[in-house]
N, C-alpha and C. Protein backbone atom coordinates (compact mmCIF):
# COMPACT_ATOMS: atom_id res chain seq x y z
N UNK A 1 68.99 39.71 40.27
CA UNK A 1 67.38 39.78 40.75
C UNK A 1 67.27 38.29 40.75
N UNK A 2 67.01 37.40 41.90
CA UNK A 2 66.63 36.32 42.04
C UNK A 2 66.36 35.65 42.77
N UNK A 3 64.55 35.87 43.08
CA UNK A 3 63.74 35.66 44.32
C UNK A 3 64.01 34.41 44.49
N UNK A 4 63.92 33.43 43.47
CA UNK A 4 64.26 31.75 44.33
C UNK A 4 65.38 31.74 45.14
N UNK A 5 66.40 31.96 44.48
CA UNK A 5 67.93 32.06 44.62
C UNK A 5 67.56 32.66 46.28
N UNK A 6 67.28 33.68 46.79
CA UNK A 6 66.84 33.98 47.98
C UNK A 6 66.26 34.01 48.92
N UNK A 7 65.24 32.96 48.38
CA UNK A 7 64.32 32.76 49.18
C UNK A 7 65.13 30.95 49.93
N UNK A 8 65.51 30.63 48.81
CA UNK A 8 66.48 28.60 49.33
C UNK A 8 67.45 29.23 50.59
N UNK A 9 67.97 30.60 49.96
CA UNK A 9 69.33 31.09 51.32
C UNK A 9 68.37 31.09 52.72
N UNK A 10 67.30 31.59 52.72
CA UNK A 10 66.50 31.64 53.92
C UNK A 10 65.68 32.89 54.15
N UNK A 11 65.88 33.64 52.97
CA UNK A 11 65.69 34.66 52.97
C UNK A 11 64.00 34.87 53.19
N UNK A 12 63.22 35.51 54.23
CA UNK A 12 61.72 35.55 54.42
C UNK A 12 61.02 36.27 52.57
N UNK A 13 59.80 36.11 52.93
CA UNK A 13 59.33 36.84 51.60
C UNK A 13 59.34 38.61 51.79
N UNK A 14 59.13 38.87 53.32
CA UNK A 14 59.15 40.54 53.72
C UNK A 14 60.96 40.75 53.07
N UNK A 15 61.65 40.19 53.84
CA UNK A 15 63.03 40.80 53.43
C UNK A 15 63.37 40.96 52.01
N UNK A 16 63.02 39.84 51.14
CA UNK A 16 62.91 39.75 49.29
C UNK A 16 62.47 40.93 49.28
N UNK A 17 61.22 41.17 49.46
CA UNK A 17 60.01 42.43 49.21
C UNK A 17 61.05 43.92 49.78
N UNK A 18 61.56 43.74 50.65
CA UNK A 18 62.64 44.89 51.09
C UNK A 18 64.05 45.03 50.02
N UNK A 19 64.42 44.13 49.94
CA UNK A 19 65.85 44.20 48.93
C UNK A 19 65.12 44.55 47.45
N UNK A 20 63.78 44.02 47.20
CA UNK A 20 63.59 44.53 45.71
C UNK A 20 63.37 46.02 45.74
N UNK A 21 62.43 46.40 46.58
CA UNK A 21 62.18 48.01 46.72
C UNK A 21 63.73 49.16 46.92
N UNK A 22 64.64 48.38 47.69
CA UNK A 22 66.47 48.86 47.96
C UNK A 22 67.11 49.28 46.32
N UNK A 23 66.73 47.68 46.04
CA UNK A 23 67.30 47.76 44.63
C UNK A 23 66.55 48.83 43.66
N UNK A 24 65.18 49.62 44.14
CA UNK A 24 64.62 49.76 42.79
C UNK A 24 63.82 49.14 41.48
N UNK A 25 63.99 47.90 41.67
CA UNK A 25 63.20 47.04 40.79
C UNK A 25 61.89 47.17 40.85
N UNK A 26 61.64 47.42 39.82
CA UNK A 26 59.95 47.84 39.81
C UNK A 26 59.03 46.56 39.76
N UNK A 27 57.87 46.32 40.39
CA UNK A 27 57.01 45.27 40.32
C UNK A 27 56.88 44.94 38.60
N UNK A 28 56.08 43.91 38.37
CA UNK A 28 55.58 43.48 37.22
C UNK A 28 54.54 44.51 36.66
N UNK A 29 54.08 45.44 37.68
CA UNK A 29 52.85 46.72 36.89
C UNK A 29 53.51 47.92 36.68
N UNK A 30 55.16 48.17 37.43
CA UNK A 30 55.52 49.13 37.27
C UNK A 30 55.76 49.59 38.21
N UNK A 31 55.28 49.27 39.62
CA UNK A 31 55.05 50.05 40.75
C UNK A 31 56.50 50.30 41.42
N UNK A 32 56.50 51.30 42.24
CA UNK A 32 57.68 51.05 43.50
C UNK A 32 57.44 50.13 44.55
N UNK A 33 56.49 49.85 44.98
CA UNK A 33 56.24 48.89 46.15
C UNK A 33 55.72 47.45 45.75
N UNK A 34 56.60 46.51 46.51
CA UNK A 34 55.98 45.43 46.07
C UNK A 34 55.17 44.35 47.02
N UNK A 35 54.12 44.62 46.71
CA UNK A 35 52.84 43.50 47.80
C UNK A 35 53.68 42.07 47.93
N UNK A 36 53.33 41.31 49.32
CA UNK A 36 53.58 40.58 49.49
C UNK A 36 53.13 39.46 48.67
N UNK A 37 52.28 39.11 48.34
CA UNK A 37 51.22 38.80 47.71
C UNK A 37 51.90 38.33 46.04
N UNK A 38 52.42 39.28 45.60
CA UNK A 38 52.91 39.14 44.09
C UNK A 38 54.23 38.47 44.25
N UNK A 39 55.41 38.50 45.61
CA UNK A 39 56.43 37.70 45.57
C UNK A 39 55.86 36.42 45.95
N UNK A 40 54.89 35.92 46.77
CA UNK A 40 54.11 34.76 46.97
C UNK A 40 54.16 34.10 45.43
N UNK A 41 53.00 34.63 44.58
CA UNK A 41 52.70 34.38 43.45
C UNK A 41 54.17 33.89 42.66
N UNK A 42 55.10 35.06 42.34
CA UNK A 42 56.39 34.80 41.81
C UNK A 42 56.82 33.15 42.21
N UNK A 43 56.92 32.99 43.37
CA UNK A 43 57.71 31.79 44.11
C UNK A 43 56.79 30.51 43.72
N UNK A 44 55.51 30.30 43.31
CA UNK A 44 54.53 29.77 43.61
C UNK A 44 54.16 29.34 41.80
N UNK A 45 54.60 30.42 41.08
CA UNK A 45 54.23 30.19 39.70
C UNK A 45 55.27 28.90 38.73
N UNK A 46 54.81 28.21 37.91
CA UNK A 46 55.55 26.94 37.50
C UNK A 46 56.03 27.55 35.98
N UNK A 47 55.19 29.02 35.55
CA UNK A 47 55.89 29.61 34.10
C UNK A 47 57.37 29.36 34.10
N UNK A 48 57.78 29.89 35.51
CA UNK A 48 59.39 30.07 35.32
C UNK A 48 60.29 29.15 35.07
N UNK A 49 59.22 27.26 34.88
CA UNK A 49 60.26 26.33 34.97
C UNK A 49 59.99 26.26 33.12
N UNK A 50 59.52 26.95 32.72
CA UNK A 50 59.19 26.52 30.86
C UNK A 50 58.56 26.02 31.14
N UNK A 51 56.76 25.76 32.49
CA UNK A 51 55.98 24.97 31.71
C UNK A 51 54.74 25.69 32.30
N UNK A 52 53.76 25.48 30.85
CA UNK A 52 52.30 26.43 31.29
C UNK A 52 51.20 25.58 31.80
N UNK A 53 50.65 26.06 32.68
CA UNK A 53 49.48 25.08 33.01
C UNK A 53 48.21 25.84 32.70
N UNK A 54 46.89 24.58 32.16
CA UNK A 54 45.60 25.06 31.87
C UNK A 54 44.57 24.00 32.67
N UNK A 55 43.70 25.33 32.73
CA UNK A 55 42.33 24.49 33.19
C UNK A 55 42.51 24.42 35.12
N UNK A 56 43.39 25.11 35.84
CA UNK A 56 43.23 24.79 36.83
C UNK A 56 42.12 25.18 37.65
N UNK A 57 41.31 26.02 37.03
CA UNK A 57 40.11 26.91 37.69
C UNK A 57 38.89 26.77 36.73
N UNK A 58 37.44 26.68 37.13
CA UNK A 58 36.71 26.65 36.06
C UNK A 58 35.59 27.76 36.52
N UNK A 59 34.36 28.37 35.90
CA UNK A 59 33.47 29.14 36.23
C UNK A 59 32.53 28.43 37.08
N UNK A 60 31.81 28.88 38.03
CA UNK A 60 30.96 28.59 38.61
C UNK A 60 29.28 28.55 37.52
N UNK A 61 28.74 28.22 37.94
CA UNK A 61 27.65 28.43 36.81
C UNK A 61 26.94 30.04 36.52
N UNK A 62 26.38 30.15 35.26
CA UNK A 62 26.19 31.29 35.13
C UNK A 62 25.11 31.63 36.09
N UNK A 63 24.59 33.07 36.86
CA UNK A 63 25.38 34.49 36.47
C UNK A 63 26.62 34.42 37.02
N UNK A 64 27.08 33.55 38.18
CA UNK A 64 27.96 33.81 39.04
C UNK A 64 29.04 34.01 38.44
N UNK A 65 30.00 34.78 38.96
CA UNK A 65 31.58 34.82 38.45
C UNK A 65 32.50 34.22 39.05
N UNK A 66 32.25 33.41 39.96
CA UNK A 66 32.95 33.03 40.85
C UNK A 66 33.94 32.30 40.13
N UNK A 67 35.03 31.44 40.52
CA UNK A 67 36.01 30.39 39.84
C UNK A 67 35.95 29.19 40.96
N UNK A 68 36.12 28.26 40.57
CA UNK A 68 36.72 26.93 41.72
C UNK A 68 37.54 26.10 40.77
N UNK A 69 38.66 25.55 42.00
CA UNK A 69 39.51 24.77 41.57
C UNK A 69 38.69 23.58 41.10
N UNK A 70 39.40 22.71 40.03
CA UNK A 70 39.27 21.87 39.12
C UNK A 70 39.92 20.37 39.94
N UNK A 71 39.40 19.57 39.86
CA UNK A 71 40.26 18.38 39.99
C UNK A 71 41.66 18.10 39.39
N UNK A 72 42.63 18.04 40.51
CA UNK A 72 43.86 17.76 39.81
C UNK A 72 44.18 16.83 38.39
N UNK A 73 43.01 15.89 38.30
CA UNK A 73 43.90 15.27 37.03
C UNK A 73 43.22 15.90 35.63
N UNK A 74 42.24 17.05 35.90
CA UNK A 74 41.86 17.62 35.11
C UNK A 74 42.37 18.93 34.41
N UNK A 75 43.96 19.17 35.24
CA UNK A 75 44.83 20.24 34.92
C UNK A 75 45.81 19.62 33.72
N UNK A 76 45.81 20.39 32.82
CA UNK A 76 46.95 20.07 31.61
C UNK A 76 48.09 20.91 31.99
N UNK A 77 49.21 20.37 31.54
CA UNK A 77 50.58 21.16 31.86
C UNK A 77 51.36 20.78 30.63
N UNK A 78 51.73 21.91 30.25
CA UNK A 78 52.30 21.55 28.76
C UNK A 78 54.07 22.06 29.01
N UNK A 79 54.69 20.72 29.14
CA UNK A 79 56.28 21.18 29.74
C UNK A 79 57.06 21.81 28.50
N UNK A 80 58.38 22.42 29.01
CA UNK A 80 58.97 22.87 27.77
C UNK A 80 58.24 23.55 26.69
N UNK A 81 57.15 24.35 27.13
CA UNK A 81 56.27 25.42 26.59
C UNK A 81 57.10 26.71 25.90
N UNK A 82 58.25 26.96 26.49
CA UNK A 82 58.85 28.14 26.89
C UNK A 82 60.31 28.14 27.57
N UNK A 83 61.31 29.17 27.16
CA UNK A 83 62.25 28.75 27.69
C UNK A 83 62.86 28.90 29.41
N UNK A 84 62.96 28.17 29.78
CA UNK A 84 62.80 28.51 31.14
C UNK A 84 63.57 29.12 32.01
N UNK A 85 63.15 29.88 33.30
CA UNK A 85 63.95 31.11 33.69
C UNK A 85 64.79 30.08 34.95
N UNK A 86 64.32 29.34 35.33
CA UNK A 86 64.68 28.93 36.66
C UNK A 86 64.85 27.16 36.03
N UNK A 87 65.63 26.03 37.16
CA UNK A 87 65.44 24.98 36.49
C UNK A 87 64.25 24.30 37.53
N UNK A 88 63.68 23.64 37.02
CA UNK A 88 62.76 22.66 38.09
C UNK A 88 62.69 22.12 38.93
N UNK A 89 63.72 21.58 39.35
CA UNK A 89 64.18 21.21 40.82
C UNK A 89 64.65 22.31 41.81
N UNK A 90 64.92 23.18 41.18
CA UNK A 90 65.19 24.71 42.05
C UNK A 90 63.49 25.02 42.74
N UNK A 91 62.80 24.82 41.73
CA UNK A 91 61.29 25.49 41.97
C UNK A 91 60.81 24.13 42.95
N UNK A 92 60.96 22.81 42.48
CA UNK A 92 60.33 22.05 43.63
C UNK A 92 61.05 22.26 45.11
N UNK A 93 62.32 22.86 45.31
CA UNK A 93 62.93 22.94 46.46
C UNK A 93 62.14 23.86 47.37
N UNK A 94 61.77 25.26 46.55
CA UNK A 94 61.46 26.19 47.10
C UNK A 94 60.04 25.70 47.43
N UNK A 95 59.28 24.93 46.89
CA UNK A 95 57.77 24.59 46.87
C UNK A 95 57.80 23.76 48.46
N UNK A 96 59.18 22.99 48.54
CA UNK A 96 58.99 21.73 49.82
C UNK A 96 59.59 22.96 51.06
N UNK A 97 60.26 24.02 50.87
CA UNK A 97 60.66 25.10 51.45
C UNK A 97 59.21 26.19 52.11
N UNK A 98 58.80 26.18 50.86
CA UNK A 98 57.60 27.04 51.40
C UNK A 98 56.65 26.08 52.11
N UNK A 99 56.01 24.99 51.98
CA UNK A 99 55.66 23.98 52.84
C UNK A 99 55.90 23.77 54.43
N UNK A 100 57.13 23.83 54.28
CA UNK A 100 58.07 23.76 55.74
C UNK A 100 57.73 25.07 56.10
N UNK A 101 58.16 26.27 55.77
CA UNK A 101 58.21 27.59 56.87
C UNK A 101 56.83 27.69 57.04
N UNK A 102 55.58 27.13 56.22
CA UNK A 102 54.36 27.87 56.19
C UNK A 102 53.87 27.47 58.03
N UNK A 103 52.73 28.29 58.28
CA UNK A 103 52.35 27.88 59.61
C UNK A 103 50.68 27.41 59.97
N UNK A 104 50.62 27.05 58.02
CA UNK A 104 49.31 26.17 58.05
C UNK A 104 49.31 24.84 57.48
N UNK A 105 48.81 23.92 58.14
CA UNK A 105 48.73 22.33 57.95
C UNK A 105 47.20 22.01 57.39
N UNK A 106 47.09 21.38 56.70
CA UNK A 106 46.29 20.65 56.45
C UNK A 106 45.58 19.02 57.05
N UNK A 107 44.78 19.44 57.94
CA UNK A 107 44.13 18.01 59.19
C UNK A 107 43.78 16.96 58.05
N UNK A 108 43.62 15.93 58.80
CA UNK A 108 43.08 14.57 58.31
C UNK A 108 41.86 14.78 57.62
N UNK A 109 40.79 15.70 57.63
CA UNK A 109 39.63 16.08 56.99
C UNK A 109 40.05 17.13 55.86
N UNK A 110 40.89 17.49 55.70
CA UNK A 110 41.54 18.68 54.07
C UNK A 110 40.90 20.01 54.94
N UNK A 111 40.64 20.56 56.18
CA UNK A 111 40.65 21.67 56.75
C UNK A 111 42.14 22.61 57.09
N UNK A 112 42.13 23.87 56.47
CA UNK A 112 43.27 24.06 57.03
C UNK A 112 43.58 25.01 58.56
N UNK A 113 44.84 24.53 58.97
CA UNK A 113 44.58 24.70 60.64
C UNK A 113 46.00 25.38 60.66
N UNK A 114 46.31 26.55 61.79
CA UNK A 114 47.84 26.97 61.93
C UNK A 114 48.18 26.27 62.99
N UNK A 115 49.50 26.16 62.74
CA UNK A 115 50.33 25.08 63.51
C UNK A 115 50.30 25.65 65.16
N UNK A 116 50.55 26.96 64.84
CA UNK A 116 51.25 28.14 66.22
C UNK A 116 50.50 29.26 65.88
N UNK A 117 49.88 30.31 67.25
CA UNK A 117 49.38 31.22 66.88
C UNK A 117 50.53 32.12 67.92
N UNK A 118 51.54 31.57 68.07
CA UNK A 118 52.72 32.28 68.90
C UNK A 118 52.91 33.84 68.61
N UNK A 119 53.26 33.91 66.92
CA UNK A 119 53.37 35.60 66.71
C UNK A 119 52.88 36.15 65.77
N UNK A 120 51.50 35.29 66.05
CA UNK A 120 50.34 35.73 65.22
C UNK A 120 49.51 36.49 65.67
N UNK A 121 48.58 37.60 64.90
CA UNK A 121 47.63 38.39 65.72
C UNK A 121 46.05 37.54 65.29
N UNK A 122 46.30 36.07 64.43
CA UNK A 122 45.07 35.49 64.53
C UNK A 122 45.10 34.60 65.53
N UNK A 123 43.62 34.18 66.42
CA UNK A 123 43.31 33.84 66.92
C UNK A 123 43.57 32.36 66.78
N UNK A 124 43.75 31.24 67.70
CA UNK A 124 43.83 29.82 67.62
C UNK A 124 42.79 29.53 67.43
N UNK A 125 42.31 28.62 66.72
CA UNK A 125 41.10 27.94 66.67
C UNK A 125 40.98 26.81 67.52
N UNK A 126 39.85 26.94 68.15
CA UNK A 126 39.54 25.78 69.07
C UNK A 126 39.06 24.69 67.99
N UNK A 127 39.67 23.39 68.79
CA UNK A 127 39.19 22.19 68.26
C UNK A 127 38.05 21.60 68.86
N UNK A 128 36.83 21.46 68.76
CA UNK A 128 35.67 20.59 68.98
C UNK A 128 35.71 19.50 69.05
N UNK A 129 35.09 18.67 70.13
CA UNK A 129 35.21 17.54 70.54
C UNK A 129 33.98 17.18 70.41
N UNK A 130 33.55 16.13 68.83
CA UNK A 130 32.36 15.84 68.95
C UNK A 130 32.31 14.63 69.50
N UNK A 131 32.87 13.79 70.10
CA UNK A 131 32.30 12.89 70.79
C UNK A 131 31.48 13.56 72.54
N UNK A 132 31.70 14.61 73.22
CA UNK A 132 31.28 15.00 74.04
C UNK A 132 29.58 15.58 74.03
N UNK A 133 28.89 15.10 74.74
CA UNK A 133 27.29 15.97 74.58
C UNK A 133 27.42 16.75 75.10
N UNK A 134 26.57 18.22 74.45
CA UNK A 134 26.19 19.40 75.05
C UNK A 134 25.50 19.11 76.16
N UNK A 135 25.71 20.14 76.99
CA UNK A 135 25.33 19.81 78.62
C UNK A 135 23.80 20.79 78.68
N UNK A 136 22.88 20.07 79.13
CA UNK A 136 21.43 20.81 78.82
C UNK A 136 21.20 22.00 80.41
């Protein structure tokens, strides 16, 4: 089973999910059905390269149980922490492919915007023109 290799070969996450289920490979929690999110998490997890990442999120103030992302400069990486499963170059290639295949872009204001809704059940987000005045 080489999820990263399959993704590089052009397989979609849904196709990888179906292949894993056909091969009767259990999920990390031992289930038969693979959630798409689990495969997405595998493809974006740096631990497969032998790197451990610490401090990506932090707790909000008490009593909230929510987590928030930290400044990227505060995140710590321990390279060669353990034996890698895949090479770091392959991991980076997969991250570039995921960004290229994604239907989501980040606009100049840092907002997530859908490139297209052609094959999506999601509604297109209408852009608001702030230069026009509202009609009374």
